[in-house]
Amino acid sequence: IAGLSSGYEVCPVCGRRYSDDEVLGFSDQLASPCCRSCASMS
């Protein structure tokens, strides 16, 4: 509702569609779940 959902299908950082067995991380830059490659180390 607040416009802060990533949809859980496509990484909001790199735009790549998630694979079925993919584990998501979190991007503190976008304050959103993302793929592990784009995730913030912190």
PDB file of all heavy atoms in Angstrom:
ATOM      1  N   ILE A   1       0.839  -1.204   0.000  1.00  0.00           N
ATOM      2  CA  ILE A   1       0.000   0.000   0.000  1.00  0.00           C
ATOM      3  C   ILE A   1       0.871   1.250   0.000  1.00  0.00           C
ATOM      4  O   ILE A   1       0.578   2.239  -0.681  1.00  0.00           O
ATOM      5  CB  ILE A   1      -0.934  -0.001   1.226  1.00  0.00           C
ATOM      6  CG1 ILE A   1      -1.998  -1.095   1.082  1.00  0.00           C
ATOM      7  CG2 ILE A   1      -1.605   1.369   1.396  1.00  0.00           C
ATOM      8  CD1 ILE A   1      -2.822  -1.322   2.343  1.00  0.00           C
ATOM      9  N   ALA A   2       1.976   1.195   0.754  1.00  0.00           N
ATOM     10  CA  ALA A   2       2.875   2.343   0.869  1.00  0.00           C
ATOM     11  C   ALA A   2       3.807   2.492  -0.326  1.00  0.00           C
ATOM     12  O   ALA A   2       4.618   3.419  -0.380  1.00  0.00           O
ATOM     13  CB  ALA A   2       3.695   2.240   2.150  1.00  0.00           C
ATOM     14  N   GLY A   3       3.706   1.565  -1.301  1.00  0.00           N
ATOM     15  CA  GLY A   3       4.561   1.622  -2.488  1.00  0.00           C
ATOM     16  C   GLY A   3       5.971   1.158  -2.240  1.00  0.00           C
ATOM     17  O   GLY A   3       6.901   1.549  -2.957  1.00  0.00           O
ATOM     18  N   LEU A   4       6.151   0.279  -1.237  1.00  0.00           N
ATOM     19  CA  LEU A   4       7.488  -0.166  -0.847  1.00  0.00           C
ATOM     20  C   LEU A   4       7.688  -1.661  -1.074  1.00  0.00           C
ATOM     21  O   LEU A   4       8.603  -2.258  -0.513  1.00  0.00           O
ATOM     22  CB  LEU A   4       7.753   0.168   0.630  1.00  0.00           C
ATOM     23  CG  LEU A   4       7.733   1.665   0.971  1.00  0.00           C
ATOM     24  CD1 LEU A   4       7.818   1.861   2.485  1.00  0.00           C
ATOM     25  CD2 LEU A   4       8.908   2.368   0.287  1.00  0.00           C
ATOM     26  N   SER A   5       6.842  -2.274  -1.899  1.00  0.00           N
ATOM     27  CA  SER A   5       6.969  -3.701  -2.186  1.00  0.00           C
ATOM     28  C   SER A   5       7.680  -3.901  -3.515  1.00  0.00           C
ATOM     29  O   SER A   5       7.392  -3.215  -4.500  1.00  0.00           O
ATOM     30  CB  SER A   5       5.588  -4.355  -2.236  1.00  0.00           C
ATOM     31  OG  SER A   5       5.687  -5.710  -2.621  1.00  0.00           O
ATOM     32  N   SER A   6       8.603  -4.863  -3.551  1.00  0.00           N
ATOM     33  CA  SER A   6       9.380  -5.110  -4.769  1.00  0.00           C
ATOM     34  C   SER A   6       8.692  -6.091  -5.716  1.00  0.00           C
ATOM     35  O   SER A   6       9.143  -6.290  -6.840  1.00  0.00           O
ATOM     36  CB  SER A   6      10.752  -5.664  -4.395  1.00  0.00           C
ATOM     37  OG  SER A   6      10.637  -6.964  -3.846  1.00  0.00           O
ATOM     38  N   GLY A   7       7.628  -6.747  -5.253  1.00  0.00           N
ATOM     39  CA  GLY A   7       6.927  -7.705  -6.093  1.00  0.00           C
ATOM     40  C   GLY A   7       7.454  -9.124  -5.991  1.00  0.00           C
ATOM     41  O   GLY A   7       6.787 -10.058  -6.382  1.00  0.00           O
ATOM     42  N   TYR A   8       8.690  -9.300  -5.541  1.00  0.00           N
ATOM     43  CA  TYR A   8       9.278 -10.614  -5.280  1.00  0.00           C
ATOM     44  C   TYR A   8       9.404 -11.481  -6.526  1.00  0.00           C
ATOM     45  O   TYR A   8       9.451 -12.703  -6.443  1.00  0.00           O
ATOM     46  CB  TYR A   8       8.480 -11.355  -4.196  1.00  0.00           C
ATOM     47  CG  TYR A   8       8.464 -10.597  -2.897  1.00  0.00           C
ATOM     48  CD1 TYR A   8       7.427  -9.726  -2.585  1.00  0.00           C
ATOM     49  CD2 TYR A   8       9.512 -10.712  -1.990  1.00  0.00           C
ATOM     50  CE1 TYR A   8       7.425  -8.996  -1.408  1.00  0.00           C
ATOM     51  CE2 TYR A   8       9.516  -9.991  -0.809  1.00  0.00           C
ATOM     52  CZ  TYR A   8       8.475  -9.135  -0.526  1.00  0.00           C
ATOM     53  OH  TYR A   8       8.480  -8.415   0.638  1.00  0.00           O
ATOM     54  N   GLU A   9       9.468 -10.856  -7.694  1.00  0.00           N
ATOM     55  CA  GLU A   9       9.677 -11.597  -8.933  1.00  0.00           C
ATOM     56  C   GLU A   9      10.917 -11.123  -9.680  1.00  0.00           C
ATOM     57  O   GLU A   9      11.586 -11.916 -10.331  1.00  0.00           O
ATOM     58  CB  GLU A   9       8.454 -11.460  -9.852  1.00  0.00           C
ATOM     59  CG  GLU A   9       7.207 -12.137  -9.313  1.00  0.00           C
ATOM     60  CD  GLU A   9       6.043 -12.047 -10.279  1.00  0.00           C
ATOM     61  OE1 GLU A   9       6.109 -11.222 -11.206  1.00  0.00           O
ATOM     62  OE2 GLU A   9       5.083 -12.811 -10.114  1.00  0.00           O
ATOM     63  N   VAL A  10      11.223  -9.828  -9.580  1.00  0.00           N
ATOM     64  CA  VAL A  10      12.342  -9.226 -10.306  1.00  0.00           C
ATOM     65  C   VAL A  10      13.167  -8.387  -9.335  1.00  0.00           C
ATOM     66  O   VAL A  10      12.609  -7.675  -8.503  1.00  0.00           O
ATOM     67  CB  VAL A  10      11.837  -8.336 -11.462  1.00  0.00           C
ATOM     68  CG1 VAL A  10      12.990  -7.622 -12.143  1.00  0.00           C
ATOM     69  CG2 VAL A  10      11.060  -9.167 -12.471  1.00  0.00           C
ATOM     70  N   CYS A  11      14.479  -8.494  -9.434  1.00  0.00           N
ATOM     71  CA  CYS A  11      15.346  -7.686  -8.577  1.00  0.00           C
ATOM     72  C   CYS A  11      15.169  -6.203  -8.919  1.00  0.00           C
ATOM     73  O   CYS A  11      15.333  -5.812 -10.086  1.00  0.00           O
ATOM     74  CB  CYS A  11      16.811  -8.090  -8.767  1.00  0.00           C
ATOM     75  SG  CYS A  11      17.969  -7.049  -7.838  1.00  0.00           S
ATOM     76  N   PRO A  12      14.845  -5.363  -7.934  1.00  0.00           N
ATOM     77  CA  PRO A  12      14.627  -3.942  -8.228  1.00  0.00           C
ATOM     78  C   PRO A  12      15.917  -3.180  -8.520  1.00  0.00           C
ATOM     79  O   PRO A  12      15.871  -2.045  -9.006  1.00  0.00           O
ATOM     80  CB  PRO A  12      13.965  -3.428  -6.944  1.00  0.00           C
ATOM     81  CG  PRO A  12      14.473  -4.323  -5.873  1.00  0.00           C
ATOM     82  CD  PRO A  12      14.611  -5.674  -6.516  1.00  0.00           C
ATOM     83  N   VAL A  13      17.065  -3.807  -8.256  1.00  0.00           N
ATOM     84  CA  VAL A  13      18.356  -3.143  -8.475  1.00  0.00           C
ATOM     85  C   VAL A  13      18.858  -3.409  -9.894  1.00  0.00           C
ATOM     86  O   VAL A  13      19.117  -2.482 -10.675  1.00  0.00           O
ATOM     87  CB  VAL A  13      19.406  -3.592  -7.440  1.00  0.00           C
ATOM     88  CG1 VAL A  13      20.738  -2.870  -7.691  1.00  0.00           C
ATOM     89  CG2 VAL A  13      18.906  -3.321  -6.022  1.00  0.00           C
ATOM     90  N   CYS A  14      18.986  -4.698 -10.264  1.00  0.00           N
ATOM     91  CA  CYS A  14      19.556  -5.043 -11.575  1.00  0.00           C
ATOM     92  C   CYS A  14      18.505  -5.418 -12.614  1.00  0.00           C
ATOM     93  O   CYS A  14      18.820  -5.549 -13.804  1.00  0.00           O
ATOM     94  CB  CYS A  14      20.563  -6.175 -11.424  1.00  0.00           C
ATOM     95  SG  CYS A  14      19.838  -7.760 -10.911  1.00  0.00           S
ATOM     96  N   GLY A  15      17.255  -5.630 -12.188  1.00  0.00           N
ATOM     97  CA  GLY A  15      16.184  -5.945 -13.124  1.00  0.00           C
ATOM     98  C   GLY A  15      16.116  -7.390 -13.549  1.00  0.00           C
ATOM     99  O   GLY A  15      15.312  -7.744 -14.413  1.00  0.00           O
ATOM    100  N   ARG A  16      16.949  -8.265 -12.969  1.00  0.00           N
ATOM    101  CA  ARG A  16      16.955  -9.679 -13.348  1.00  0.00           C
ATOM    102  C   ARG A  16      15.806 -10.419 -12.664  1.00  0.00           C
ATOM    103  O   ARG A  16      15.541 -10.197 -11.486  1.00  0.00           O
ATOM    104  CB  ARG A  16      18.292 -10.316 -12.971  1.00  0.00           C
ATOM    105  CG  ARG A  16      18.399 -11.796 -13.351  1.00  0.00           C
ATOM    106  CD  ARG A  16      19.763 -12.353 -12.992  1.00  0.00           C
ATOM    107  NE  ARG A  16      20.043 -12.237 -11.573  1.00  0.00           N
ATOM    108  CZ  ARG A  16      19.550 -13.073 -10.652  1.00  0.00           C
ATOM    109  NH1 ARG A  16      18.742 -14.071 -10.999  1.00  0.00           N
ATOM    110  NH2 ARG A  16      19.887 -12.909  -9.390  1.00  0.00           N
ATOM    111  N   ARG A  17      15.142 -11.316 -13.415  1.00  0.00           N
ATOM    112  CA  ARG A  17      14.073 -12.120 -12.842  1.00  0.00           C
ATOM    113  C   ARG A  17      14.683 -13.201 -11.947  1.00  0.00           C
ATOM    114  O   ARG A  17      15.667 -13.848 -12.316  1.00  0.00           O
ATOM    115  CB  ARG A  17      13.220 -12.758 -13.941  1.00  0.00           C
ATOM    116  CG  ARG A  17      12.050 -13.604 -13.425  1.00  0.00           C
ATOM    117  CD  ARG A  17      11.110 -13.973 -14.550  1.00  0.00           C
ATOM    118  NE  ARG A  17      10.408 -12.794 -15.035  1.00  0.00           N
ATOM    119  CZ  ARG A  17       9.301 -12.309 -14.483  1.00  0.00           C
ATOM    120  NH1 ARG A  17       8.770 -12.905 -13.428  1.00  0.00           N
ATOM    121  NH2 ARG A  17       8.727 -11.239 -14.994  1.00  0.00           N
ATOM    122  N   TYR A  18      14.087 -13.387 -10.772  1.00  0.00           N
ATOM    123  CA  TYR A  18      14.604 -14.384  -9.833  1.00  0.00           C
ATOM    124  C   TYR A  18      14.370 -15.794 -10.358  1.00  0.00           C
ATOM    125  O   TYR A  18      13.350 -16.082 -10.992  1.00  0.00           O
ATOM    126  CB  TYR A  18      13.920 -14.269  -8.467  1.00  0.00           C
ATOM    127  CG  TYR A  18      14.062 -12.920  -7.802  1.00  0.00           C
ATOM    128  CD1 TYR A  18      12.944 -12.248  -7.316  1.00  0.00           C
ATOM    129  CD2 TYR A  18      15.316 -12.317  -7.643  1.00  0.00           C
ATOM    130  CE1 TYR A  18      13.068 -11.013  -6.684  1.00  0.00           C
ATOM    131  CE2 TYR A  18      15.444 -11.089  -7.021  1.00  0.00           C
ATOM    132  CZ  TYR A  18      14.314 -10.442  -6.549  1.00  0.00           C
ATOM    133  OH  TYR A  18      14.422  -9.222  -5.929  1.00  0.00           O
ATOM    134  N   SER A  19      15.310 -16.700 -10.082  1.00  0.00           N
ATOM    135  CA  SER A  19      15.111 -18.115 -10.375  1.00  0.00           C
ATOM    136  C   SER A  19      14.257 -18.732  -9.263  1.00  0.00           C
ATOM    137  O   SER A  19      14.087 -18.139  -8.195  1.00  0.00           O
ATOM    138  CB  SER A  19      16.454 -18.838 -10.465  1.00  0.00           C
ATOM    139  OG  SER A  19      17.138 -18.774  -9.216  1.00  0.00           O
ATOM    140  N   ASP A  20      13.709 -19.911  -9.511  1.00  0.00           N
ATOM    141  CA  ASP A  20      12.799 -20.549  -8.553  1.00  0.00           C
ATOM    142  C   ASP A  20      13.466 -20.837  -7.213  1.00  0.00           C
ATOM    143  O   ASP A  20      12.817 -20.776  -6.170  1.00  0.00           O
ATOM    144  CB  ASP A  20      12.237 -21.848  -9.131  1.00  0.00           C
ATOM    145  CG  ASP A  20      11.217 -21.595 -10.234  1.00  0.00           C
ATOM    146  OD1 ASP A  20      10.708 -20.451 -10.313  1.00  0.00           O
ATOM    147  OD2 ASP A  20      10.937 -22.531 -11.002  1.00  0.00           O
ATOM    148  N   ASP A  21      14.755 -21.176  -7.241  1.00  0.00           N
ATOM    149  CA  ASP A  21      15.438 -21.571  -6.010  1.00  0.00           C
ATOM    150  C   ASP A  21      16.326 -20.459  -5.433  1.00  0.00           C
ATOM    151  O   ASP A  21      17.218 -20.713  -4.644  1.00  0.00           O
ATOM    152  CB  ASP A  21      16.280 -22.828  -6.251  1.00  0.00           C
ATOM    153  CG  ASP A  21      17.341 -22.609  -7.332  1.00  0.00           C
ATOM    154  OD1 ASP A  21      17.288 -21.557  -8.013  1.00  0.00           O
ATOM    155  OD2 ASP A  21      18.201 -23.491  -7.489  1.00  0.00           O
ATOM    156  N   GLU A  22      16.029 -19.220  -5.820  1.00  0.00           N
ATOM    157  CA  GLU A  22      16.900 -18.111  -5.426  1.00  0.00           C
ATOM    158  C   GLU A  22      16.585 -17.601  -4.016  1.00  0.00           C
ATOM    159  O   GLU A  22      15.431 -17.475  -3.621  1.00  0.00           O
ATOM    160  CB  GLU A  22      16.771 -16.954  -6.416  1.00  0.00           C
ATOM    161  CG  GLU A  22      17.808 -15.875  -6.214  1.00  0.00           C
ATOM    162  CD  GLU A  22      18.037 -15.053  -7.471  1.00  0.00           C
ATOM    163  OE1 GLU A  22      17.391 -15.355  -8.499  1.00  0.00           O
ATOM    164  OE2 GLU A  22      18.854 -14.130  -7.432  1.00  0.00           O
ATOM    165  N   VAL A  23      17.649 -17.318  -3.268  1.00  0.00           N
ATOM    166  CA  VAL A  23      17.551 -16.695  -1.949  1.00  0.00           C
ATOM    167  C   VAL A  23      17.728 -15.184  -2.112  1.00  0.00           C
ATOM    168  O   VAL A  23      18.658 -14.737  -2.777  1.00  0.00           O
ATOM    169  CB  VAL A  23      18.636 -17.244  -0.997  1.00  0.00           C
ATOM    170  CG1 VAL A  23      18.579 -16.526   0.357  1.00  0.00           C
ATOM    171  CG2 VAL A  23      18.480 -18.752  -0.808  1.00  0.00           C
ATOM    172  N   LEU A  24      16.823 -14.413  -1.519  1.00  0.00           N
ATOM    173  CA  LEU A  24      16.897 -12.960  -1.643  1.00  0.00           C
ATOM    174  C   LEU A  24      17.658 -12.332  -0.487  1.00  0.00           C
ATOM    175  O   LEU A  24      17.657 -12.843   0.637  1.00  0.00           O
ATOM    176  CB  LEU A  24      15.491 -12.347  -1.696  1.00  0.00           C
ATOM    177  CG  LEU A  24      14.546 -12.801  -2.800  1.00  0.00           C
ATOM    178  CD1 LEU A  24      13.349 -11.847  -2.866  1.00  0.00           C
ATOM    179  CD2 LEU A  24      15.241 -12.885  -4.143  1.00  0.00           C
ATOM    180  N   GLY A  25      18.294 -11.208  -0.786  1.00  0.00           N
ATOM    181  CA  GLY A  25      18.925 -10.395   0.238  1.00  0.00           C
ATOM    182  C   GLY A  25      18.161  -9.085   0.376  1.00  0.00           C
ATOM    183  O   GLY A  25      16.966  -9.018   0.087  1.00  0.00           O
ATOM    184  N   PHE A  26      18.863  -8.025   0.789  1.00  0.00           N
ATOM    185  CA  PHE A  26      18.208  -6.736   1.007  1.00  0.00           C
ATOM    186  C   PHE A  26      19.133  -5.609   0.573  1.00  0.00           C
ATOM    187  O   PHE A  26      20.332  -5.614   0.885  1.00  0.00           O
ATOM    188  CB  PHE A  26      17.848  -6.579   2.484  1.00  0.00           C
ATOM    189  CG  PHE A  26      17.082  -5.315   2.791  1.00  0.00           C
ATOM    190  CD1 PHE A  26      15.714  -5.255   2.627  1.00  0.00           C
ATOM    191  CD2 PHE A  26      17.742  -4.173   3.235  1.00  0.00           C
ATOM    192  CE1 PHE A  26      15.004  -4.095   2.903  1.00  0.00           C
ATOM    193  CE2 PHE A  26      17.045  -3.011   3.516  1.00  0.00           C
ATOM    194  CZ  PHE A  26      15.670  -2.979   3.346  1.00  0.00           C
ATOM    195  N   SER A  27      18.563  -4.635  -0.132  1.00  0.00           N
ATOM    196  CA  SER A  27      19.301  -3.454  -0.544  1.00  0.00           C
ATOM    197  C   SER A  27      18.937  -2.294   0.370  1.00  0.00           C
ATOM    198  O   SER A  27      17.778  -1.853   0.377  1.00  0.00           O
ATOM    199  CB  SER A  27      18.957  -3.089  -1.994  1.00  0.00           C
ATOM    200  OG  SER A  27      19.427  -1.788  -2.314  1.00  0.00           O
ATOM    201  N   ASP A  28      19.906  -1.808   1.148  1.00  0.00           N
ATOM    202  CA  ASP A  28      19.592  -0.664   2.014  1.00  0.00           C
ATOM    203  C   ASP A  28      19.495   0.622   1.204  1.00  0.00           C
ATOM    204  O   ASP A  28      18.882   1.596   1.646  1.00  0.00           O
ATOM    205  CB  ASP A  28      20.606  -0.521   3.145  1.00  0.00           C
ATOM    206  CG  ASP A  28      22.044  -0.428   2.660  1.00  0.00           C
ATOM    207  OD1 ASP A  28      22.258  -0.381   1.439  1.00  0.00           O
ATOM    208  OD2 ASP A  28      22.947  -0.414   3.511  1.00  0.00           O
ATOM    209  N   GLN A  29      20.044   0.632  -0.013  1.00  0.00           N
ATOM    210  CA  GLN A  29      19.943   1.813  -0.862  1.00  0.00           C
ATOM    211  C   GLN A  29      18.505   2.028  -1.334  1.00  0.00           C
ATOM    212  O   GLN A  29      17.994   3.147  -1.341  1.00  0.00           O
ATOM    213  CB  GLN A  29      20.867   1.697  -2.069  1.00  0.00           C
ATOM    214  CG  GLN A  29      20.845   2.922  -2.979  1.00  0.00           C
ATOM    215  CD  GLN A  29      21.808   2.780  -4.143  1.00  0.00           C
ATOM    216  OE1 GLN A  29      22.461   1.753  -4.319  1.00  0.00           O
ATOM    217  NE2 GLN A  29      21.898   3.826  -4.956  1.00  0.00           N
ATOM    218  N   LEU A  30      17.833   0.914  -1.725  1.00  0.00           N
ATOM    219  CA  LEU A  30      16.443   0.996  -2.168  1.00  0.00           C
ATOM    220  C   LEU A  30      15.463   0.623  -1.063  1.00  0.00           C
ATOM    221  O   LEU A  30      14.248   0.726  -1.254  1.00  0.00           O
ATOM    222  CB  LEU A  30      16.216   0.083  -3.374  1.00  0.00           C
ATOM    223  CG  LEU A  30      16.947   0.445  -4.668  1.00  0.00           C
ATOM    224  CD1 LEU A  30      16.548  -0.517  -5.766  1.00  0.00           C
ATOM    225  CD2 LEU A  30      16.630   1.881  -5.085  1.00  0.00           C
ATOM    226  N   ALA A  31      15.981   0.179   0.092  1.00  0.00           N
ATOM    227  CA  ALA A  31      15.141  -0.277   1.209  1.00  0.00           C
ATOM    228  C   ALA A  31      14.163  -1.347   0.728  1.00  0.00           C
ATOM    229  O   ALA A  31      12.948  -1.258   0.949  1.00  0.00           O
ATOM    230  CB  ALA A  31      14.399   0.889   1.837  1.00  0.00           C
ATOM    231  N   SER A  32      14.716  -2.370   0.048  1.00  0.00           N
ATOM    232  CA  SER A  32      13.865  -3.372  -0.584  1.00  0.00           C
ATOM    233  C   SER A  32      14.601  -4.700  -0.698  1.00  0.00           C
ATOM    234  O   SER A  32      15.834  -4.731  -0.826  1.00  0.00           O
ATOM    235  CB  SER A  32      13.462  -2.888  -1.974  1.00  0.00           C
ATOM    236  OG  SER A  32      12.803  -3.911  -2.701  1.00  0.00           O
ATOM    237  N   PRO A  33      13.869  -5.834  -0.687  1.00  0.00           N
ATOM    238  CA  PRO A  33      14.488  -7.116  -1.013  1.00  0.00           C
ATOM    239  C   PRO A  33      15.060  -7.077  -2.426  1.00  0.00           C
ATOM    240  O   PRO A  33      14.525  -6.390  -3.308  1.00  0.00           O
ATOM    241  CB  PRO A  33      13.322  -8.098  -0.913  1.00  0.00           C
ATOM    242  CG  PRO A  33      12.335  -7.444  -0.015  1.00  0.00           C
ATOM    243  CD  PRO A  33      12.449  -5.980  -0.312  1.00  0.00           C
ATOM    244  N   CYS A  34      16.142  -7.826  -2.640  1.00  0.00           N
ATOM    245  CA  CYS A  34      16.789  -7.858  -3.947  1.00  0.00           C
ATOM    246  C   CYS A  34      17.562  -9.161  -4.074  1.00  0.00           C
ATOM    247  O   CYS A  34      17.601  -9.957  -3.139  1.00  0.00           O
ATOM    248  CB  CYS A  34      17.735  -6.656  -4.104  1.00  0.00           C
ATOM    249  SG  CYS A  34      19.124  -6.679  -2.942  1.00  0.00           S
ATOM    250  N   CYS A  35      18.209  -9.397  -5.219  1.00  0.00           N
ATOM    251  CA  CYS A  35      19.024 -10.599  -5.384  1.00  0.00           C
ATOM    252  C   CYS A  35      20.271 -10.483  -4.511  1.00  0.00           C
ATOM    253  O   CYS A  35      20.683  -9.388  -4.115  1.00  0.00           O
ATOM    254  CB  CYS A  35      19.386 -10.802  -6.853  1.00  0.00           C
ATOM    255  SG  CYS A  35      20.559  -9.603  -7.514  1.00  0.00           S
ATOM    256  N   ARG A  36      20.890 -11.621  -4.241  1.00  0.00           N
ATOM    257  CA  ARG A  36      22.052 -11.614  -3.344  1.00  0.00           C
ATOM    258  C   ARG A  36      23.222 -10.845  -3.940  1.00  0.00           C
ATOM    259  O   ARG A  36      24.030 -10.261  -3.216  1.00  0.00           O
ATOM    260  CB  ARG A  36      22.481 -13.054  -3.019  1.00  0.00           C
ATOM    261  CG  ARG A  36      21.450 -13.860  -2.236  1.00  0.00           C
ATOM    262  CD  ARG A  36      21.144 -13.277  -0.867  1.00  0.00           C
ATOM    263  NE  ARG A  36      22.266 -13.357   0.030  1.00  0.00           N
ATOM    264  CZ  ARG A  36      22.574 -14.436   0.791  1.00  0.00           C
ATOM    265  NH1 ARG A  36      21.806 -15.514   0.698  1.00  0.00           N
ATOM    266  NH2 ARG A  36      23.597 -14.428   1.595  1.00  0.00           N
ATOM    267  N   SER A  37      23.339 -10.811  -5.266  1.00  0.00           N
ATOM    268  CA  SER A  37      24.436 -10.088  -5.910  1.00  0.00           C
ATOM    269  C   SER A  37      24.335  -8.585  -5.670  1.00  0.00           C
ATOM    270  O   SER A  37      25.349  -7.883  -5.609  1.00  0.00           O
ATOM    271  CB  SER A  37      24.449 -10.365  -7.418  1.00  0.00           C
ATOM    272  OG  SER A  37      24.641 -11.726  -7.682  1.00  0.00           O
ATOM    273  N   CYS A  38      23.118  -8.080  -5.552  1.00  0.00           N
ATOM    274  CA  CYS A  38      22.897  -6.642  -5.355  1.00  0.00           C
ATOM    275  C   CYS A  38      22.675  -6.282  -3.888  1.00  0.00           C
ATOM    276  O   CYS A  38      22.477  -5.100  -3.562  1.00  0.00           O
ATOM    277  CB  CYS A  38      21.697  -6.176  -6.169  1.00  0.00           C
ATOM    278  SG  CYS A  38      21.878  -6.390  -7.960  1.00  0.00           S
ATOM    279  N   ALA A  39      22.710  -7.278  -3.013  1.00  0.00           N
ATOM    280  CA  ALA A  39      22.401  -7.036  -1.607  1.00  0.00           C
ATOM    281  C   ALA A  39      23.501  -6.232  -0.928  1.00  0.00           C
ATOM    282  O   ALA A  39      24.673  -6.294  -1.305  1.00  0.00           O
ATOM    283  CB  ALA A  39      22.203  -8.363  -0.881  1.00  0.00           C
ATOM    284  N   SER A  40      23.115  -5.469   0.074  1.00  0.00           N
ATOM    285  CA  SER A  40      24.061  -4.689   0.865  1.00  0.00           C
ATOM    286  C   SER A  40      24.762  -5.595   1.870  1.00  0.00           C
ATOM    287  O   SER A  40      24.117  -6.380   2.558  1.00  0.00           O
ATOM    288  CB  SER A  40      23.324  -3.572   1.613  1.00  0.00           C
ATOM    289  OG  SER A  40      22.547  -2.804   0.726  1.00  0.00           O
ATOM    290  N   MET A  41      26.062  -5.482   1.944  1.00  0.00           N
ATOM    291  CA  MET A  41      26.833  -6.318   2.863  1.00  0.00           C
ATOM    292  C   MET A  41      26.542  -5.972   4.316  1.00  0.00           C
ATOM    293  O   MET A  41      26.743  -6.773   5.216  1.00  0.00           O
ATOM    294  CB  MET A  41      28.321  -6.152   2.575  1.00  0.00           C
ATOM    295  CG  MET A  41      28.746  -6.586   1.187  1.00  0.00           C
ATOM    296  SD  MET A  41      28.376  -8.338   0.849  1.00  0.00           S
ATOM    297  CE  MET A  41      29.491  -9.126   2.004  1.00  0.00           C
ATOM    298  N   SER A  42      26.025  -4.750   4.564  1.00  0.00           N
ATOM    299  CA  SER A  42      25.806  -4.302   5.936  1.00  0.00           C
ATOM    300  C   SER A  42      24.489  -4.802   6.530  1.00  0.00           C
ATOM    301  O   SER A  42      24.262  -4.671   7.726  1.00  0.00           O
ATOM    302  CB  SER A  42      25.822  -2.770   5.993  1.00  0.00           C
ATOM    303  OG  SER A  42      24.803  -2.234   5.151  1.00  0.00           O
TER     304      SER A  42
END
